[in-house]
Amino acid sequence: MNSYSKPSYGTNYLAYAKPDICPIGPTQTKESPCDFPPPNFDAIFQIVSPLKIALAAAACLFCWTANQRIEAASHSPFEDLSKRLSKRISDIMIKTVVVADITDSHGTACPEGLYLADLLSAYLIQPGRKLRVVNRDLLRGTLAVQKITARDLTFSETLHKIGTAIAVDAVVFGTVEKSERKLTASVFAKRVSDGRLLGSENAAVERSAFFDSLTMYSATPTLAEPQRVGGNGVTPPECLDCPVPQFRHRADASSRAMLSVGVSSEGRVVAVKVLRGAGPEFADEAWGMLRVFRYNPAHDRSGQPVAVSIFVEIFFS
């Protein structure tokens, strides 16, 4: 089921994105239908007072500027990696894949690798992709039962066992290397039937406070006292990695659900709360989907990164 959403940043931010088109974390281009035109002030003059005109003009100008800023920040090297890898795999008629944990160069689990594996899995199931992506928890359980380590994934016999156990055609795995300034991920896809390498891709991103904060990625994070976007000059966070969520559970008797999303001063999603339109099952799934989002954090008037809560509306079609 496809799900679409528009980001809303409270009463001081007006979002004009079309809900049936624009996904969470807009990835608009200049030709995108999500780009809205400048407001029609001739029509506004006919229906509102001069004071309301001034307020509407200020709000629309802020909305227009914020939309362009999100668009400029939407390019992601990890999304590009997923597109290239997906094409390589699909061209060889592979239908079903699973993403294993990405490790450090020694084959040891690391928080950055766990995050990147979750992010890659989320990107591979984007609308329009031809792959069926198996839940990573199913693979983890299989590896634990059969006492298989990440290093064993390089062996054809191991891959064949995995393919038989969880019915996949290929396994994606890789390594991540950290330097003082950047993180570099190297990802590989192998066919389980014969161990053939189907493709390999690399992506590098500047190291930031976001990745340094991932030391507690597997734990339930906490959100410092969030500030209000628009208050005290606080700017909205900019989306860097925001794969379109693919939800299994529909909102309760509704075509949309409203969420409150806490974004830390490092740009991590650390809290997701359902405000209306969905039940407990959806809340758990929303957290699983949105926790991989990576933001350029909100900033206050002095340019310091701050924690904020934003509203995200999910539309179902």
C-alpha atoms as a PDB file:
ATOM      1  CA  MET A   1       0.000   0.000   0.000  1.00  0.00           C
ATOM      2  CA  ASN A   2       1.390   3.347  -0.948  1.00  0.00           C
ATOM      3  CA  SER A   3       1.513   6.099   1.651  1.00  0.00           C
ATOM      4  CA  TYR A   4       2.185   9.744   1.095  1.00  0.00           C
ATOM      5  CA  SER A   5       2.598  12.677   3.417  1.00  0.00           C
ATOM      6  CA  LYS A   6       3.387  16.318   3.747  1.00  0.00           C
ATOM      7  CA  PRO A   7       5.534  17.908   6.452  1.00  0.00           C
ATOM      8  CA  SER A   8       3.825  20.530   8.596  1.00  0.00           C
ATOM      9  CA  TYR A   9       5.681  22.685  11.080  1.00  0.00           C
ATOM     10  CA  GLY A  10       2.884  24.071  13.239  1.00  0.00           C
ATOM     11  CA  THR A  11       0.799  27.198  12.844  1.00  0.00           C
ATOM     12  CA  ASN A  12       3.741  29.282  11.686  1.00  0.00           C
ATOM     13  CA  TYR A  13       4.384  27.083   8.668  1.00  0.00           C
ATOM     14  CA  LEU A  14       1.944  26.686   5.786  1.00  0.00           C
ATOM     15  CA  ALA A  15       2.469  23.570   3.675  1.00  0.00           C
ATOM     16  CA  TYR A  16       1.019  23.792   0.166  1.00  0.00           C
ATOM     17  CA  ALA A  17       2.341  20.418  -1.032  1.00  0.00           C
ATOM     18  CA  LYS A  18      -0.310  18.231  -2.682  1.00  0.00           C
ATOM     19  CA  PRO A  19      -0.975  15.339  -0.281  1.00  0.00           C
ATOM     20  CA  ASP A  20      -1.763  12.810  -3.003  1.00  0.00           C
ATOM     21  CA  ILE A  21       1.591  13.412  -4.685  1.00  0.00           C
ATOM     22  CA  CYS A  22       4.209  14.649  -2.243  1.00  0.00           C
ATOM     23  CA  PRO A  23       5.952  12.054  -0.047  1.00  0.00           C
ATOM     24  CA  ILE A  24       7.435  12.608   3.405  1.00  0.00           C
ATOM     25  CA  GLY A  25      10.679  14.489   3.093  1.00  0.00           C
ATOM     26  CA  PRO A  26       9.991  16.180  -0.261  1.00  0.00           C
ATOM     27  CA  THR A  27      12.368  15.251  -3.061  1.00  0.00           C
ATOM     28  CA  GLN A  28      11.014  17.748  -5.536  1.00  0.00           C
ATOM     29  CA  THR A  29      12.755  18.886  -8.667  1.00  0.00           C
ATOM     30  CA  LYS A  30      12.182  22.174 -10.444  1.00  0.00           C
ATOM     31  CA  GLU A  31       9.588  20.441 -12.621  1.00  0.00           C
ATOM     32  CA  SER A  32       7.909  18.609  -9.735  1.00  0.00           C
ATOM     33  CA  PRO A  33       4.134  19.019  -9.322  1.00  0.00           C
ATOM     34  CA  CYS A  34       4.834  19.429  -5.603  1.00  0.00           C
ATOM     35  CA  ASP A  35       6.312  22.863  -6.245  1.00  0.00           C
ATOM     36  CA  PHE A  36       3.617  25.427  -5.596  1.00  0.00           C
ATOM     37  CA  PRO A  37       3.341  28.813  -7.358  1.00  0.00           C
ATOM     38  CA  PRO A  38       3.732  32.146  -5.561  1.00  0.00           C
ATOM     39  CA  PRO A  39       0.484  33.217  -3.848  1.00  0.00           C
ATOM     40  CA  ASN A  40      -2.187  35.097  -5.859  1.00  0.00           C
ATOM     41  CA  PHE A  41      -2.341  38.357  -3.947  1.00  0.00           C
ATOM     42  CA  ASP A  42      -5.014  39.839  -6.302  1.00  0.00           C
ATOM     43  CA  ALA A  43      -7.455  37.231  -5.000  1.00  0.00           C
ATOM     44  CA  ILE A  44      -6.360  37.846  -1.419  1.00  0.00           C
ATOM     45  CA  PHE A  45      -7.125  41.594  -1.729  1.00  0.00           C
ATOM     46  CA  GLN A  46     -10.743  40.777  -2.554  1.00  0.00           C
ATOM     47  CA  ILE A  47     -11.466  38.725   0.553  1.00  0.00           C
ATOM     48  CA  VAL A  48      -9.296  39.868   3.479  1.00  0.00           C
ATOM     49  CA  SER A  49      -8.450  43.052   5.319  1.00  0.00           C
ATOM     50  CA  PRO A  50      -5.152  44.927   4.822  1.00  0.00           C
ATOM     51  CA  LEU A  51      -3.818  43.516   8.117  1.00  0.00           C
ATOM     52  CA  LYS A  52      -4.647  39.951   7.060  1.00  0.00           C
ATOM     53  CA  ILE A  53      -3.000  40.640   3.710  1.00  0.00           C
ATOM     54  CA  ALA A  54       0.269  41.505   5.423  1.00  0.00           C
ATOM     55  CA  LEU A  55       0.107  38.398   7.609  1.00  0.00           C
ATOM     56  CA  ALA A  56      -0.755  36.135   4.683  1.00  0.00           C
ATOM     57  CA  ALA A  57       2.071  37.547   2.575  1.00  0.00           C
ATOM     58  CA  ALA A  58       4.604  36.973   5.353  1.00  0.00           C
ATOM     59  CA  ALA A  59       3.402  33.404   5.949  1.00  0.00           C
ATOM     60  CA  CYS A  60       3.420  32.511   2.252  1.00  0.00           C
ATOM     61  CA  LEU A  61       6.891  33.939   1.780  1.00  0.00           C
ATOM     62  CA  PHE A  62       8.179  31.800   4.665  1.00  0.00           C
ATOM     63  CA  CYS A  63       6.475  28.749   3.181  1.00  0.00           C
ATOM     64  CA  TRP A  64       7.976  29.362  -0.267  1.00  0.00           C
ATOM     65  CA  THR A  65      11.487  29.801   1.156  1.00  0.00           C
ATOM     66  CA  ALA A  66      11.218  26.713   3.394  1.00  0.00           C
ATOM     67  CA  ASN A  67      10.045  24.557   0.493  1.00  0.00           C
ATOM     68  CA  GLN A  68      13.022  25.497  -1.630  1.00  0.00           C
ATOM     69  CA  ARG A  69      15.409  24.849   1.259  1.00  0.00           C
ATOM     70  CA  ILE A  70      14.027  21.332   1.771  1.00  0.00           C
ATOM     71  CA  GLU A  71      14.307  20.658  -1.949  1.00  0.00           C
ATOM     72  CA  ALA A  72      17.969  21.698  -2.030  1.00  0.00           C
ATOM     73  CA  ALA A  73      18.797  19.410   0.893  1.00  0.00           C
ATOM     74  CA  SER A  74      16.972  16.342  -0.416  1.00  0.00           C
ATOM     75  CA  HIS A  75      19.804  14.808  -2.480  1.00  0.00           C
ATOM     76  CA  SER A  76      21.202  11.731  -0.730  1.00  0.00           C
ATOM     77  CA  PRO A  77      24.209   9.625  -1.752  1.00  0.00           C
ATOM     78  CA  PHE A  78      22.591   6.634  -0.015  1.00  0.00           C
ATOM     79  CA  GLU A  79      19.432   7.004  -2.066  1.00  0.00           C
ATOM     80  CA  ASP A  80      21.545   7.158  -5.218  1.00  0.00           C
ATOM     81  CA  LEU A  81      23.396   4.013  -4.113  1.00  0.00           C
ATOM     82  CA  SER A  82      20.106   2.179  -3.612  1.00  0.00           C
ATOM     83  CA  LYS A  83      18.873   3.179  -7.071  1.00  0.00           C
ATOM     84  CA  ARG A  84      22.035   1.952  -8.764  1.00  0.00           C
ATOM     85  CA  LEU A  85      22.059  -1.306  -6.814  1.00  0.00           C
ATOM     86  CA  SER A  86      18.352  -1.910  -7.415  1.00  0.00           C
ATOM     87  CA  LYS A  87      18.811  -1.484 -11.160  1.00  0.00           C
ATOM     88  CA  ARG A  88      21.778  -3.854 -11.246  1.00  0.00           C
ATOM     89  CA  ILE A  89      19.842  -6.532  -9.364  1.00  0.00           C
ATOM     90  CA  SER A  90      16.589  -6.087 -11.299  1.00  0.00           C
ATOM     91  CA  ASP A  91      18.380  -6.260 -14.646  1.00  0.00           C
ATOM     92  CA  ILE A  92      19.472  -9.802 -13.762  1.00  0.00           C
ATOM     93  CA  MET A  93      15.840 -10.748 -13.044  1.00  0.00           C
ATOM     94  CA  ILE A  94      16.305 -11.017  -9.275  1.00  0.00           C
ATOM     95  CA  LYS A  95      12.921 -10.615  -7.569  1.00  0.00           C
ATOM     96  CA  THR A  96      13.471 -10.981  -3.815  1.00  0.00           C
ATOM     97  CA  VAL A  97      16.297  -9.640  -1.637  1.00  0.00           C
ATOM     98  CA  VAL A  98      17.150  -9.132   2.007  1.00  0.00           C
ATOM     99  CA  VAL A  99      19.615  -6.649   3.511  1.00  0.00           C
ATOM    100  CA  ALA A 100      22.032  -8.010   6.121  1.00  0.00           C
ATOM    101  CA  ASP A 101      23.717  -5.885   8.773  1.00  0.00           C
ATOM    102  CA  ILE A 102      26.488  -3.687   7.412  1.00  0.00           C
ATOM    103  CA  THR A 103      29.619  -4.160   9.536  1.00  0.00           C
ATOM    104  CA  ASP A 104      32.981  -2.501  10.032  1.00  0.00           C
ATOM    105  CA  SER A 105      35.995  -3.680   8.038  1.00  0.00           C
ATOM    106  CA  HIS A 106      36.646  -6.452  10.592  1.00  0.00           C
ATOM    107  CA  GLY A 107      33.155  -7.932  10.239  1.00  0.00           C
ATOM    108  CA  THR A 108      32.013  -6.587  13.596  1.00  0.00           C
ATOM    109  CA  ALA A 109      28.597  -5.026  14.108  1.00  0.00           C
ATOM    110  CA  CYS A 110      28.634  -1.244  14.534  1.00  0.00           C
ATOM    111  CA  PRO A 111      25.807   1.282  15.077  1.00  0.00           C
ATOM    112  CA  GLU A 112      26.529   3.160  11.848  1.00  0.00           C
ATOM    113  CA  GLY A 113      26.307  -0.109   9.922  1.00  0.00           C
ATOM    114  CA  LEU A 114      23.029  -1.101  11.556  1.00  0.00           C
ATOM    115  CA  TYR A 115      21.544   2.279  10.674  1.00  0.00           C
ATOM    116  CA  LEU A 116      22.794   2.194   7.066  1.00  0.00           C
ATOM    117  CA  ALA A 117      21.402  -1.328   6.573  1.00  0.00           C
ATOM    118  CA  ASP A 118      17.976  -0.193   7.826  1.00  0.00           C
ATOM    119  CA  LEU A 119      18.158   2.888   5.585  1.00  0.00           C
ATOM    120  CA  LEU A 120      19.174   0.877   2.524  1.00  0.00           C
ATOM    121  CA  SER A 121      16.354  -1.599   3.115  1.00  0.00           C
ATOM    122  CA  ALA A 122      13.882   1.305   3.334  1.00  0.00           C
ATOM    123  CA  TYR A 123      15.160   2.821   0.079  1.00  0.00           C
ATOM    124  CA  LEU A 124      14.969  -0.510  -1.784  1.00  0.00           C
ATOM    125  CA  ILE A 125      11.209  -0.767  -1.165  1.00  0.00           C
ATOM    126  CA  GLN A 126      10.422   2.661  -2.607  1.00  0.00           C
ATOM    127  CA  PRO A 127       7.477   2.959  -5.028  1.00  0.00           C
ATOM    128  CA  GLY A 128       8.438   1.981  -8.557  1.00  0.00           C
ATOM    129  CA  ARG A 129      11.183  -0.448  -7.529  1.00  0.00           C
ATOM    130  CA  LYS A 130      10.802  -3.974  -8.876  1.00  0.00           C
ATOM    131  CA  LEU A 131      12.219  -5.765  -5.841  1.00  0.00           C
ATOM    132  CA  ARG A 132      10.457  -7.463  -2.970  1.00  0.00           C
ATOM    133  CA  VAL A 133      12.485  -6.763   0.153  1.00  0.00           C
ATOM    134  CA  VAL A 134      12.254  -9.247   3.028  1.00  0.00           C
ATOM    135  CA  ASN A 135      12.072  -7.889   6.580  1.00  0.00           C
ATOM    136  CA  ARG A 136      15.522  -7.709   8.138  1.00  0.00           C
ATOM    137  CA  ASP A 137      14.267  -9.195  11.417  1.00  0.00           C
ATOM    138  CA  LEU A 138      13.530 -12.462   9.612  1.00  0.00           C
ATOM    139  CA  LEU A 139      17.145 -12.644   8.448  1.00  0.00           C
ATOM    140  CA  ARG A 140      18.468 -11.826  11.924  1.00  0.00           C
ATOM    141  CA  GLY A 141      16.453 -14.666  13.406  1.00  0.00           C
ATOM    142  CA  THR A 142      17.712 -17.106  10.787  1.00  0.00           C
ATOM    143  CA  LEU A 143      21.342 -16.104  11.331  1.00  0.00           C
ATOM    144  CA  ALA A 144      20.958 -16.509  15.086  1.00  0.00           C
ATOM    145  CA  VAL A 145      19.352 -19.956  14.831  1.00  0.00           C
ATOM    146  CA  GLN A 146      21.949 -21.247  12.367  1.00  0.00           C
ATOM    147  CA  LYS A 147      24.820 -19.465  14.164  1.00  0.00           C
ATOM    148  CA  ILE A 148      25.902 -17.615  11.031  1.00  0.00           C
ATOM    149  CA  THR A 149      28.050 -14.473  11.305  1.00  0.00           C
ATOM    150  CA  ALA A 150      28.370 -11.520   8.946  1.00  0.00           C
ATOM    151  CA  ARG A 151      31.720 -12.841   7.718  1.00  0.00           C
ATOM    152  CA  ASP A 152      30.049 -16.099   6.642  1.00  0.00           C
ATOM    153  CA  LEU A 153      27.953 -14.232   4.070  1.00  0.00           C
ATOM    154  CA  THR A 154      30.895 -14.297   1.654  1.00  0.00           C
ATOM    155  CA  PHE A 155      30.580 -18.093   1.307  1.00  0.00           C
ATOM    156  CA  SER A 156      28.288 -19.663  -1.294  1.00  0.00           C
ATOM    157  CA  GLU A 157      27.190 -22.458   1.054  1.00  0.00           C
ATOM    158  CA  THR A 158      26.031 -19.931   3.654  1.00  0.00           C
ATOM    159  CA  LEU A 159      24.107 -17.908   1.084  1.00  0.00           C
ATOM    160  CA  HIS A 160      22.356 -21.046  -0.145  1.00  0.00           C
ATOM    161  CA  LYS A 161      21.230 -21.859   3.413  1.00  0.00           C
ATOM    162  CA  ILE A 162      19.806 -18.365   3.830  1.00  0.00           C
ATOM    163  CA  GLY A 163      18.015 -18.505   0.496  1.00  0.00           C
ATOM    164  CA  THR A 164      16.376 -21.816   1.417  1.00  0.00           C
ATOM    165  CA  ALA A 165      15.409 -20.668   4.921  1.00  0.00           C
ATOM    166  CA  ILE A 166      13.734 -17.339   4.063  1.00  0.00           C
ATOM    167  CA  ALA A 167      13.020 -17.729   0.324  1.00  0.00           C
ATOM    168  CA  VAL A 168      15.148 -14.931  -1.130  1.00  0.00           C
ATOM    169  CA  ASP A 169      17.053 -14.715  -4.398  1.00  0.00           C
ATOM    170  CA  ALA A 170      19.852 -12.443  -3.203  1.00  0.00           C
ATOM    171  CA  VAL A 171      21.489 -11.064  -0.054  1.00  0.00           C
ATOM    172  CA  VAL A 172      22.806  -7.518   0.248  1.00  0.00           C
ATOM    173  CA  PHE A 173      25.591  -6.871   2.747  1.00  0.00           C
ATOM    174  CA  GLY A 174      28.584  -4.583   3.130  1.00  0.00           C
ATOM    175  CA  THR A 175      31.027  -2.627   5.252  1.00  0.00           C
ATOM    176  CA  VAL A 176      31.335   0.936   6.511  1.00  0.00           C
ATOM    177  CA  GLU A 177      34.595   2.740   7.149  1.00  0.00           C
ATOM    178  CA  LYS A 178      34.908   5.834   9.333  1.00  0.00           C
ATOM    179  CA  SER A 179      37.489   8.552   8.945  1.00  0.00           C
ATOM    180  CA  GLU A 180      37.775  11.873  10.713  1.00  0.00           C
ATOM    181  CA  ARG A 181      35.701  13.623   8.066  1.00  0.00           C
ATOM    182  CA  LYS A 182      33.492  11.063   6.337  1.00  0.00           C
ATOM    183  CA  LEU A 183      31.766   7.683   6.344  1.00  0.00           C
ATOM    184  CA  THR A 184      32.142   5.400   3.344  1.00  0.00           C
ATOM    185  CA  ALA A 185      29.787   2.480   2.762  1.00  0.00           C
ATOM    186  CA  SER A 186      30.646  -0.377   0.389  1.00  0.00           C
ATOM    187  CA  VAL A 187      27.673  -2.579  -0.467  1.00  0.00           C
ATOM    188  CA  PHE A 188      27.538  -5.910  -2.304  1.00  0.00           C
ATOM    189  CA  ALA A 189      24.708  -8.093  -3.607  1.00  0.00           C
ATOM    190  CA  LYS A 190      25.163 -11.838  -4.121  1.00  0.00           C
ATOM    191  CA  ARG A 191      22.847 -14.449  -5.575  1.00  0.00           C
ATOM    192  CA  VAL A 192      22.072 -17.179  -3.078  1.00  0.00           C
ATOM    193  CA  SER A 193      21.855 -20.016  -5.614  1.00  0.00           C
ATOM    194  CA  ASP A 194      25.511 -19.865  -6.662  1.00  0.00           C
ATOM    195  CA  GLY A 195      27.168 -17.026  -4.714  1.00  0.00           C
ATOM    196  CA  ARG A 196      27.596 -14.911  -7.836  1.00  0.00           C
ATOM    197  CA  LEU A 197      28.341 -11.211  -7.243  1.00  0.00           C
ATOM    198  CA  LEU A 198      25.471  -9.294  -8.822  1.00  0.00           C
ATOM    199  CA  GLY A 199      26.743  -5.809  -8.143  1.00  0.00           C
ATOM    200  CA  SER A 200      28.663  -3.575  -5.777  1.00  0.00           C
ATOM    201  CA  GLU A 201      28.256   0.115  -4.999  1.00  0.00           C
ATOM    202  CA  ASN A 202      29.920   2.741  -2.810  1.00  0.00           C
ATOM    203  CA  ALA A 203      28.683   5.930  -1.188  1.00  0.00           C
ATOM    204  CA  ALA A 204      30.366   8.465   1.055  1.00  0.00           C
ATOM    205  CA  VAL A 205      28.869  11.165   3.247  1.00  0.00           C
ATOM    206  CA  GLU A 206      30.336  13.832   5.466  1.00  0.00           C
ATOM    207  CA  ARG A 207      30.644  12.731   9.070  1.00  0.00           C
ATOM    208  CA  SER A 208      28.352  14.717  11.346  1.00  0.00           C
ATOM    209  CA  ALA A 209      26.856  14.834  14.821  1.00  0.00           C
ATOM    210  CA  PHE A 210      24.045  12.654  13.459  1.00  0.00           C
ATOM    211  CA  PHE A 211      26.347   9.675  12.903  1.00  0.00           C
ATOM    212  CA  ASP A 212      28.226  10.276  16.141  1.00  0.00           C
ATOM    213  CA  SER A 213      24.880  10.070  17.976  1.00  0.00           C
ATOM    214  CA  LEU A 214      24.196   6.576  16.609  1.00  0.00           C
ATOM    215  CA  THR A 215      26.121   4.921  19.449  1.00  0.00           C
ATOM    216  CA  MET A 216      22.688   4.394  21.035  1.00  0.00           C
ATOM    217  CA  TYR A 217      20.902   3.522  17.770  1.00  0.00           C
ATOM    218  CA  SER A 218      19.474   0.247  19.071  1.00  0.00           C
ATOM    219  CA  ALA A 219      18.232   1.815  22.323  1.00  0.00           C
ATOM    220  CA  THR A 220      15.086   3.902  22.805  1.00  0.00           C
ATOM    221  CA  PRO A 221      16.304   7.526  22.533  1.00  0.00           C
ATOM    222  CA  THR A 222      15.129  10.530  24.512  1.00  0.00           C
ATOM    223  CA  LEU A 223      14.308  14.001  23.217  1.00  0.00           C
ATOM    224  CA  ALA A 224      15.604  17.122  24.928  1.00  0.00           C
ATOM    225  CA  GLU A 225      13.064  19.888  25.558  1.00  0.00           C
ATOM    226  CA  PRO A 226      11.939  20.654  21.984  1.00  0.00           C
ATOM    227  CA  GLN A 227      11.591  24.185  20.709  1.00  0.00           C
ATOM    228  CA  ARG A 228       8.832  25.518  18.475  1.00  0.00           C
ATOM    229  CA  VAL A 229       9.664  26.010  14.816  1.00  0.00           C
ATOM    230  CA  GLY A 230       9.203  29.672  13.946  1.00  0.00           C
ATOM    231  CA  GLY A 231       9.543  30.801  17.553  1.00  0.00           C
ATOM    232  CA  ASN A 232      12.724  32.662  18.513  1.00  0.00           C
ATOM    233  CA  GLY A 233      13.916  32.403  14.924  1.00  0.00           C
ATOM    234  CA  VAL A 234      13.975  28.576  14.952  1.00  0.00           C
ATOM    235  CA  THR A 235      14.145  27.189  11.410  1.00  0.00           C
ATOM    236  CA  PRO A 236      12.603  23.829  10.400  1.00  0.00           C
ATOM    237  CA  PRO A 237      14.856  20.782   9.997  1.00  0.00           C
ATOM    238  CA  GLU A 238      15.873  19.880   6.445  1.00  0.00           C
ATOM    239  CA  CYS A 239      15.387  16.348   5.199  1.00  0.00           C
ATOM    240  CA  LEU A 240      18.558  14.573   4.024  1.00  0.00           C
ATOM    241  CA  ASP A 241      17.424  10.924   4.007  1.00  0.00           C
ATOM    242  CA  CYS A 242      13.658  10.395   4.131  1.00  0.00           C
ATOM    243  CA  PRO A 243      12.531   7.273   2.234  1.00  0.00           C
ATOM    244  CA  VAL A 244       8.785   7.190   1.548  1.00  0.00           C
ATOM    245  CA  PRO A 245       7.326   4.922   4.277  1.00  0.00           C
ATOM    246  CA  GLN A 246       5.502   1.802   3.105  1.00  0.00           C
ATOM    247  CA  PHE A 247       2.953   1.020   5.824  1.00  0.00           C
ATOM    248  CA  ARG A 248       1.100  -2.276   6.178  1.00  0.00           C
ATOM    249  CA  HIS A 249      -1.569  -0.923   8.550  1.00  0.00           C
ATOM    250  CA  ARG A 250      -4.024   1.673   7.354  1.00  0.00           C
ATOM    251  CA  ALA A 251      -5.150   4.519   9.584  1.00  0.00           C
ATOM    252  CA  ASP A 252      -8.272   3.694  11.613  1.00  0.00           C
ATOM    253  CA  ALA A 253     -11.342   4.467   9.465  1.00  0.00           C
ATOM    254  CA  SER A 254      -9.424   7.309   7.884  1.00  0.00           C
ATOM    255  CA  SER A 255      -7.359   8.053   4.801  1.00  0.00           C
ATOM    256  CA  ARG A 256      -4.735   9.915   6.799  1.00  0.00           C
ATOM    257  CA  ALA A 257      -2.953  10.037  10.135  1.00  0.00           C
ATOM    258  CA  MET A 258      -1.300  12.920  11.961  1.00  0.00           C
ATOM    259  CA  LEU A 259       2.006  12.306  13.741  1.00  0.00           C
ATOM    260  CA  SER A 260       4.164  14.362  16.062  1.00  0.00           C
ATOM    261  CA  VAL A 261       7.812  13.664  15.265  1.00  0.00           C
ATOM    262  CA  GLY A 262      10.653  14.665  17.575  1.00  0.00           C
ATOM    263  CA  VAL A 263      13.904  15.574  15.803  1.00  0.00           C
ATOM    264  CA  SER A 264      17.003  15.894  17.965  1.00  0.00           C
ATOM    265  CA  SER A 265      19.663  18.591  17.721  1.00  0.00           C
ATOM    266  CA  GLU A 266      21.760  16.020  15.806  1.00  0.00           C
ATOM    267  CA  GLY A 267      19.008  15.533  13.208  1.00  0.00           C
ATOM    268  CA  ARG A 268      17.769  12.124  14.412  1.00  0.00           C
ATOM    269  CA  VAL A 269      14.143  11.118  14.723  1.00  0.00           C
ATOM    270  CA  VAL A 270      13.941  10.178  18.395  1.00  0.00           C
ATOM    271  CA  ALA A 271      10.193  10.188  19.064  1.00  0.00           C
ATOM    272  CA  VAL A 272       7.048   9.440  17.049  1.00  0.00           C
ATOM    273  CA  LYS A 273       3.579   9.954  18.511  1.00  0.00           C
ATOM    274  CA  VAL A 274       0.275   9.375  16.737  1.00  0.00           C
ATOM    275  CA  LEU A 275      -2.020  12.346  17.328  1.00  0.00           C
ATOM    276  CA  ARG A 276      -5.055  11.132  15.405  1.00  0.00           C
ATOM    277  CA  GLY A 277      -6.286   8.836  12.647  1.00  0.00           C
ATOM    278  CA  ALA A 278      -4.481   5.624  13.660  1.00  0.00           C
ATOM    279  CA  GLY A 279      -4.201   3.009  16.403  1.00  0.00           C
ATOM    280  CA  PRO A 280      -1.392   1.371  18.428  1.00  0.00           C
ATOM    281  CA  GLU A 281      -0.290  -0.974  15.646  1.00  0.00           C
ATOM    282  CA  PHE A 282       0.272   1.976  13.346  1.00  0.00           C
ATOM    283  CA  ALA A 283       2.253   3.827  16.030  1.00  0.00           C
ATOM    284  CA  ASP A 284       4.780   1.001  16.313  1.00  0.00           C
ATOM    285  CA  GLU A 285       5.102   0.709  12.551  1.00  0.00           C
ATOM    286  CA  ALA A 286       5.481   4.472  12.120  1.00  0.00           C
ATOM    287  CA  TRP A 287       8.391   4.470  14.568  1.00  0.00           C
ATOM    288  CA  GLY A 288      10.060   1.631  12.658  1.00  0.00           C
ATOM    289  CA  MET A 289       9.713   3.526   9.378  1.00  0.00           C
ATOM    290  CA  LEU A 290      10.592   7.047  10.480  1.00  0.00           C
ATOM    291  CA  ARG A 291      13.520   6.228  12.772  1.00  0.00           C
ATOM    292  CA  VAL A 292      15.816   5.970   9.723  1.00  0.00           C
ATOM    293  CA  PHE A 293      15.108   9.564   8.666  1.00  0.00           C
ATOM    294  CA  ARG A 294      18.169  11.800   8.692  1.00  0.00           C
ATOM    295  CA  TYR A 295      17.784  15.570   8.978  1.00  0.00           C
ATOM    296  CA  ASN A 296      19.933  18.636   8.904  1.00  0.00           C
ATOM    297  CA  PRO A 297      18.746  19.769  12.352  1.00  0.00           C
ATOM    298  CA  ALA A 298      16.704  22.838  13.138  1.00  0.00           C
ATOM    299  CA  HIS A 299      18.683  25.941  14.181  1.00  0.00           C
ATOM    300  CA  ASP A 300      17.869  28.830  16.470  1.00  0.00           C
ATOM    301  CA  ARG A 301      18.449  32.514  15.761  1.00  0.00           C
ATOM    302  CA  SER A 302      22.119  32.244  16.738  1.00  0.00           C
ATOM    303  CA  GLY A 303      22.709  29.324  14.363  1.00  0.00           C
ATOM    304  CA  GLN A 304      22.920  26.653  17.067  1.00  0.00           C
ATOM    305  CA  PRO A 305      21.264  23.262  16.355  1.00  0.00           C
ATOM    306  CA  VAL A 306      18.197  22.634  18.513  1.00  0.00           C
ATOM    307  CA  ALA A 307      15.686  19.850  19.114  1.00  0.00           C
ATOM    308  CA  VAL A 308      12.183  20.427  17.736  1.00  0.00           C
ATOM    309  CA  SER A 309       8.857  18.635  17.323  1.00  0.00           C
ATOM    310  CA  ILE A 310       7.288  18.727  13.872  1.00  0.00           C
ATOM    311  CA  PHE A 311       3.948  17.474  12.567  1.00  0.00           C
ATOM    312  CA  VAL A 312       3.838  14.932   9.767  1.00  0.00           C
ATOM    313  CA  GLU A 313       0.587  13.992   8.052  1.00  0.00           C
ATOM    314  CA  ILE A 314       0.441  10.576   6.384  1.00  0.00           C
ATOM    315  CA  PHE A 315      -1.974  10.156   3.467  1.00  0.00           C
ATOM    316  CA  PHE A 316      -3.064   6.702   2.259  1.00  0.00           C
ATOM    317  CA  SER A 317      -4.082   5.923  -1.297  1.00  0.00           C
END
